[in-house]
Amino acid sequence: MLKIVFGQRDFLQMNRRGVNMYIYQLTHNHDGDIKLIGYFSSWKKARIIMKKYRSSVEGFKDYPTGFKIRKIKVNEDHYIFI
């Protein structure tokens, strides 16, 4: 499941300030089975969704330590060799 959550208002405010822009990727890993939960405009928003999944979503609440929030700079390549 790929879910992109990125507020247009947040993006425009960051862009106008001329600062580096970041998004936050939320994933869950259990025994090498990595699930991408979504992209968020702030760490706080990613954390809120992580808490929701951790407490109430089947398959995730059973493995609460598998979550990871990764900060990613936008407008840069992030090529990964797998």
Foldseek 3Di string as FASTA:
>chain_A
DEDEEEDPVLVVVCVVVVDFAKKKWKWFDDPNDIDTDYIYRDPVVSVVVLVVCCPDNPPDVVPSVRMDIDIGTPPDDDDDDD
